[in-house]
Amino acid sequence: MGVPCLAYDVGGNREAVPDESCLVPLGVVEALARKVAMLVRDTELRRTRGTLAARFVEEQLDAPVYASKVRKLYSLLREGKLVT
């Protein structure tokens, strides 16, 4: 969507949010509020992070791209080339 995303640093958010500075510890509302305020005040930062976020989604999480990654993973598993 072209807007930056802030998230708590839990679960799979590190994989879905490309900019580590957009993650805050779980439950630390003050840290989240500071980051929101920073993005509200700084138009250029907001625009830059939004552009990077949109590019990340297109390159890494877009359905056809992600499906290709899953197919490759299953192929490696099927061939016994992926060690867990």
C-alpha atoms as a PDB file:
ATOM      1  CA  MET A   1       0.000   0.000   0.000  1.00  0.00           C
ATOM      2  CA  GLY A   2       3.041   2.256   0.163  1.00  0.00           C
ATOM      3  CA  VAL A   3       2.769   3.140   3.824  1.00  0.00           C
ATOM      4  CA  PRO A   4       5.204   2.140   6.578  1.00  0.00           C
ATOM      5  CA  CYS A   5       4.169  -0.581   8.963  1.00  0.00           C
ATOM      6  CA  LEU A   6       4.982  -0.606  12.668  1.00  0.00           C
ATOM      7  CA  ALA A   7       4.655  -3.849  14.579  1.00  0.00           C
ATOM      8  CA  TYR A   8       5.467  -5.589  17.790  1.00  0.00           C
ATOM      9  CA  ASP A   9       8.562  -7.798  17.547  1.00  0.00           C
ATOM     10  CA  VAL A  10       6.728 -11.108  17.873  1.00  0.00           C
ATOM     11  CA  GLY A  11       6.036 -14.169  15.787  1.00  0.00           C
ATOM     12  CA  GLY A  12       6.675 -13.748  12.092  1.00  0.00           C
ATOM     13  CA  ASN A  13       6.725  -9.954  12.116  1.00  0.00           C
ATOM     14  CA  ARG A  14      10.500  -9.869  11.532  1.00  0.00           C
ATOM     15  CA  GLU A  15       9.907 -11.720   8.266  1.00  0.00           C
ATOM     16  CA  ALA A  16       7.057  -9.446   7.212  1.00  0.00           C
ATOM     17  CA  VAL A  17       8.477  -6.059   8.253  1.00  0.00           C
ATOM     18  CA  PRO A  18      11.709  -5.374   6.358  1.00  0.00           C
ATOM     19  CA  ASP A  19      12.925  -2.479   8.494  1.00  0.00           C
ATOM     20  CA  GLU A  20      14.001  -3.553  11.978  1.00  0.00           C
ATOM     21  CA  SER A  21      13.576   0.010  13.218  1.00  0.00           C
ATOM     22  CA  CYS A  22       9.833  -0.440  12.653  1.00  0.00           C
ATOM     23  CA  LEU A  23       9.627  -3.180  15.293  1.00  0.00           C
ATOM     24  CA  VAL A  24       9.087  -2.568  18.999  1.00  0.00           C
ATOM     25  CA  PRO A  25       9.136  -4.963  21.952  1.00  0.00           C
ATOM     26  CA  LEU A  26       5.804  -6.590  22.736  1.00  0.00           C
ATOM     27  CA  GLY A  27       3.634  -4.475  24.990  1.00  0.00           C
ATOM     28  CA  VAL A  28       5.883  -1.406  25.082  1.00  0.00           C
ATOM     29  CA  VAL A  29       3.158   1.019  24.081  1.00  0.00           C
ATOM     30  CA  GLU A  30       5.351   4.070  24.701  1.00  0.00           C
ATOM     31  CA  ALA A  31       7.918   2.881  22.144  1.00  0.00           C
ATOM     32  CA  LEU A  32       5.181   2.254  19.607  1.00  0.00           C
ATOM     33  CA  ALA A  33       3.683   5.699  20.257  1.00  0.00           C
ATOM     34  CA  ARG A  34       7.105   7.357  19.780  1.00  0.00           C
ATOM     35  CA  LYS A  35       7.560   5.657  16.425  1.00  0.00           C
ATOM     36  CA  VAL A  36       4.058   6.628  15.303  1.00  0.00           C
ATOM     37  CA  ALA A  37       4.689  10.249  16.305  1.00  0.00           C
ATOM     38  CA  MET A  38       8.012  10.237  14.448  1.00  0.00           C
ATOM     39  CA  LEU A  39       6.332   9.019  11.246  1.00  0.00           C
ATOM     40  CA  VAL A  40       3.524  11.543  11.592  1.00  0.00           C
ATOM     41  CA  ARG A  41       6.003  14.429  11.960  1.00  0.00           C
ATOM     42  CA  ASP A  42       8.565  13.351   9.336  1.00  0.00           C
ATOM     43  CA  THR A  43       6.953  13.270   5.904  1.00  0.00           C
ATOM     44  CA  GLU A  44      10.123  12.231   4.080  1.00  0.00           C
ATOM     45  CA  LEU A  45      10.838   9.361   6.486  1.00  0.00           C
ATOM     46  CA  ARG A  46       7.247   8.193   6.161  1.00  0.00           C
ATOM     47  CA  ARG A  47       7.437   8.334   2.361  1.00  0.00           C
ATOM     48  CA  THR A  48      10.815   6.549   2.230  1.00  0.00           C
ATOM     49  CA  ARG A  49       9.758   3.757   4.591  1.00  0.00           C
ATOM     50  CA  GLY A  50       6.466   3.374   2.752  1.00  0.00           C
ATOM     51  CA  THR A  51       8.256   2.999  -0.577  1.00  0.00           C
ATOM     52  CA  LEU A  52      10.668   0.446   0.881  1.00  0.00           C
ATOM     53  CA  ALA A  53       7.796  -1.481   2.449  1.00  0.00           C
ATOM     54  CA  ALA A  54       5.872  -1.623  -0.824  1.00  0.00           C
ATOM     55  CA  ARG A  55       8.969  -2.793  -2.704  1.00  0.00           C
ATOM     56  CA  PHE A  56       9.631  -5.476  -0.069  1.00  0.00           C
ATOM     57  CA  VAL A  57       6.087  -6.817  -0.366  1.00  0.00           C
ATOM     58  CA  GLU A  58       6.261  -6.880  -4.163  1.00  0.00           C
ATOM     59  CA  GLU A  59       9.640  -8.651  -4.184  1.00  0.00           C
ATOM     60  CA  GLN A  60       9.195 -11.037  -1.255  1.00  0.00           C
ATOM     61  CA  LEU A  61       5.541 -11.529  -0.330  1.00  0.00           C
ATOM     62  CA  ASP A  62       3.598 -11.113  -3.562  1.00  0.00           C
ATOM     63  CA  ALA A  63       1.501 -14.253  -4.102  1.00  0.00           C
ATOM     64  CA  PRO A  64       3.295 -15.548  -7.247  1.00  0.00           C
ATOM     65  CA  VAL A  65       6.727 -14.839  -5.742  1.00  0.00           C
ATOM     66  CA  TYR A  66       5.824 -16.508  -2.451  1.00  0.00           C
ATOM     67  CA  ALA A  67       4.241 -19.482  -4.239  1.00  0.00           C
ATOM     68  CA  SER A  68       7.464 -19.974  -6.188  1.00  0.00           C
ATOM     69  CA  LYS A  69       9.459 -20.001  -2.947  1.00  0.00           C
ATOM     70  CA  VAL A  70       7.109 -22.575  -1.433  1.00  0.00           C
ATOM     71  CA  ARG A  71       7.354 -24.773  -4.553  1.00  0.00           C
ATOM     72  CA  LYS A  72      11.148 -24.615  -4.363  1.00  0.00           C
ATOM     73  CA  LEU A  73      11.077 -25.519  -0.673  1.00  0.00           C
ATOM     74  CA  TYR A  74       8.816 -28.520  -1.307  1.00  0.00           C
ATOM     75  CA  SER A  75      11.043 -29.652  -4.173  1.00  0.00           C
ATOM     76  CA  LEU A  76      14.080 -29.563  -1.894  1.00  0.00           C
ATOM     77  CA  LEU A  77      12.187 -31.489   0.773  1.00  0.00           C
ATOM     78  CA  ARG A  78      10.993 -34.073  -1.750  1.00  0.00           C
ATOM     79  CA  GLU A  79      14.535 -34.551  -3.047  1.00  0.00           C
ATOM     80  CA  GLY A  80      15.924 -34.869   0.464  1.00  0.00           C
ATOM     81  CA  LYS A  81      18.191 -31.856  -0.052  1.00  0.00           C
ATOM     82  CA  LEU A  82      16.815 -29.841   2.842  1.00  0.00           C
ATOM     83  CA  VAL A  83      18.157 -30.715   6.247  1.00  0.00           C
ATOM     84  CA  THR A  84      16.034 -29.696   9.210  1.00  0.00           C
END
